[in-house]
Protein backbone atom coordinates (compact mmCIF):
# COMPACT_ATOMS: atom_id res chain seq x y z
CA MET A 1 -8.05 20.73 3.31
CA SER A 2 -4.66 20.86 1.62
CA ALA A 3 -4.12 19.30 -1.80
CA ARG A 4 -1.39 17.09 -0.31
CA ARG A 5 -3.72 15.75 2.35
CA LEU A 6 -6.55 15.18 -0.10
CA SER A 7 -4.26 13.39 -2.56
CA LEU A 8 -2.94 11.22 0.27
CA ALA A 9 -6.43 10.26 1.41
CA LEU A 10 -7.60 9.56 -2.15
CA PHE A 11 -4.53 7.47 -2.90
CA TRP A 12 -5.07 5.23 0.12
CA LEU A 13 -8.83 4.98 -0.36
CA CYS A 14 -8.39 3.95 -4.00
CA ALA A 15 -5.49 1.62 -3.23
CA GLY A 16 -7.51 -0.08 -0.51
CA ALA A 17 -10.57 -0.42 -2.74
CA MET A 18 -8.46 -2.13 -5.40
CA HIS A 19 -7.84 -4.99 -2.97
CA PHE A 20 -11.55 -5.78 -3.25
CA ILE A 21 -11.98 -4.94 -6.94
CA ALA A 22 -9.01 -7.01 -8.18
CA PRO A 23 -7.93 -9.25 -5.28
CA ARG A 24 -6.19 -11.83 -7.48
CA SER A 25 -3.53 -9.26 -8.38
CA TYR A 26 -2.65 -8.88 -4.72
CA ASP A 27 -2.96 -12.57 -3.93
CA ALA A 28 -0.44 -13.28 -6.70
CA ILE A 29 2.34 -11.21 -5.14
CA MET A 30 1.95 -12.62 -1.65
CA PRO A 31 5.25 -13.90 -0.19
CA ARG A 32 5.40 -17.69 -0.34
CA PRO A 33 5.08 -18.36 3.41
CA LEU A 34 1.83 -16.36 3.46
CA LYS A 35 0.25 -17.92 0.34
CA PRO A 36 -2.19 -20.13 2.31
CA TRP A 37 -3.83 -16.97 3.65
CA ALA A 38 -3.38 -14.78 0.58
CA ARG A 39 -7.01 -13.72 0.14
CA GLN A 40 -7.51 -12.97 3.83
CA ILE A 41 -4.33 -10.89 3.90
CA THR A 42 -5.32 -9.13 0.68
CA TYR A 43 -8.63 -8.11 2.21
CA ALA A 44 -7.05 -7.16 5.55
CA SER A 45 -4.48 -4.94 3.84
CA GLY A 46 -7.29 -3.36 1.81
CA VAL A 47 -9.18 -2.56 4.99
CA ALA A 48 -5.98 -1.18 6.54
CA GLU A 49 -5.40 1.12 3.57
CA ILE A 50 -9.00 2.36 3.54
CA ALA A 51 -8.91 2.97 7.30
CA GLY A 52 -5.72 4.98 6.91
CA GLY A 53 -7.20 7.00 4.07
CA VAL A 54 -10.27 7.83 6.13
CA ALA A 55 -8.16 8.74 9.17
CA VAL A 56 -6.13 11.22 7.10
CA LEU A 57 -9.31 13.20 6.42
CA HIS A 58 -10.07 14.07 10.04
CA PRO A 59 -7.72 16.35 12.01
CA ARG A 60 -7.92 14.13 15.10
CA GLY A 61 -7.14 11.03 13.03
CA ARG A 62 -3.99 12.29 11.36
CA ARG A 63 -1.52 11.24 14.03
CA PHE A 64 -3.03 7.75 14.00
CA ALA A 65 -3.07 7.77 10.17
CA ARG A 66 0.63 8.64 10.03
CA TRP A 67 1.77 5.65 12.07
CA TRP A 68 -0.92 3.33 10.71
CA LEU A 69 -0.01 4.01 7.08
CA LEU A 70 3.73 3.85 7.72
CA ALA A 71 3.18 0.45 9.34
CA THR A 72 1.01 -0.58 6.40
CA LEU A 73 3.76 0.40 3.96
CA ALA A 74 6.24 -1.67 5.97
CA ALA A 75 3.85 -4.63 6.08
CA VAL A 76 3.26 -4.73 2.32
CA TYR A 77 6.91 -4.18 1.37
CA PRO A 78 7.71 -7.92 1.40
CA ALA A 79 5.05 -8.47 -1.28
CA ASN A 80 6.73 -5.85 -3.47
CA ILE A 81 10.09 -7.54 -2.93
CA GLN A 82 8.53 -10.90 -3.82
CA MET A 83 7.15 -9.43 -7.02
CA ALA A 84 10.61 -8.14 -8.00
CA LEU A 85 12.22 -11.49 -7.18
CA ASP A 86 9.63 -13.31 -9.31
CA ALA A 87 9.75 -10.81 -12.18
CA GLU A 88 9.40 -13.58 -14.79
CA ARG A 89 5.87 -14.23 -13.49
CA TYR A 90 4.84 -10.66 -14.35
CA ALA A 91 5.70 -10.40 -18.03
CA ARG A 92 3.57 -7.30 -18.53
CA PHE A 93 6.03 -5.35 -16.36
CA PRO A 94 9.73 -5.02 -17.23
CA ALA A 95 11.90 -6.51 -14.49
CA TRP A 96 13.77 -3.22 -14.05
CA ALA A 97 10.47 -1.48 -13.26
CA LEU A 98 9.66 -3.97 -10.50
CA TRP A 99 13.04 -3.29 -8.92
CA ALA A 100 12.83 0.46 -9.51
CA ARG A 101 9.52 0.70 -7.69
CA LEU A 102 10.98 -0.63 -4.43
CA PRO A 103 12.52 2.73 -3.46
CA LEU A 104 9.18 4.36 -4.29
CA GLN A 105 7.86 2.91 -1.03
CA PHE A 106 10.09 5.44 0.71
CA VAL A 107 8.65 8.25 -1.41
CA ALA A 108 5.19 7.01 -0.37
CA ALA A 109 6.33 7.06 3.27
CA TRP A 110 7.50 10.66 2.86
CA HIS A 111 4.10 11.55 1.35
CA VAL A 112 2.39 9.94 4.34
CA TRP A 113 4.61 11.85 6.74
CA ARG A 114 4.07 15.19 5.04
CA GLY A 115 0.38 14.62 4.41
CA THR A 116 -0.34 13.91 8.06
CA GLU A 117 1.40 16.94 9.50
CA ALA A 118 -0.82 19.14 11.64
């Protein structure tokens, strides 16, 4: 298994696990219209990330993993935007860093694309 593929799988497995280890962090950045279902969405996105990480590991799951994880990145992007818009609520992070991380989603998408190549 390539280092890229292994790092991709580990990233998503760890990221997904964090939704269960520290769910309040994810609940807090939920876009306002989704707040009533924050915990359920936090857990669902954690499951989605873990499923994608597992799928990356198997050759027959990689095509699925590619599209699944790209869709997951798109689905969680509004929460990252919400966090940047509400930067004053997250004093431990400088506001510029919250904005600067938004383009990193596209770097993550590139990593997904490359890590799921045959």
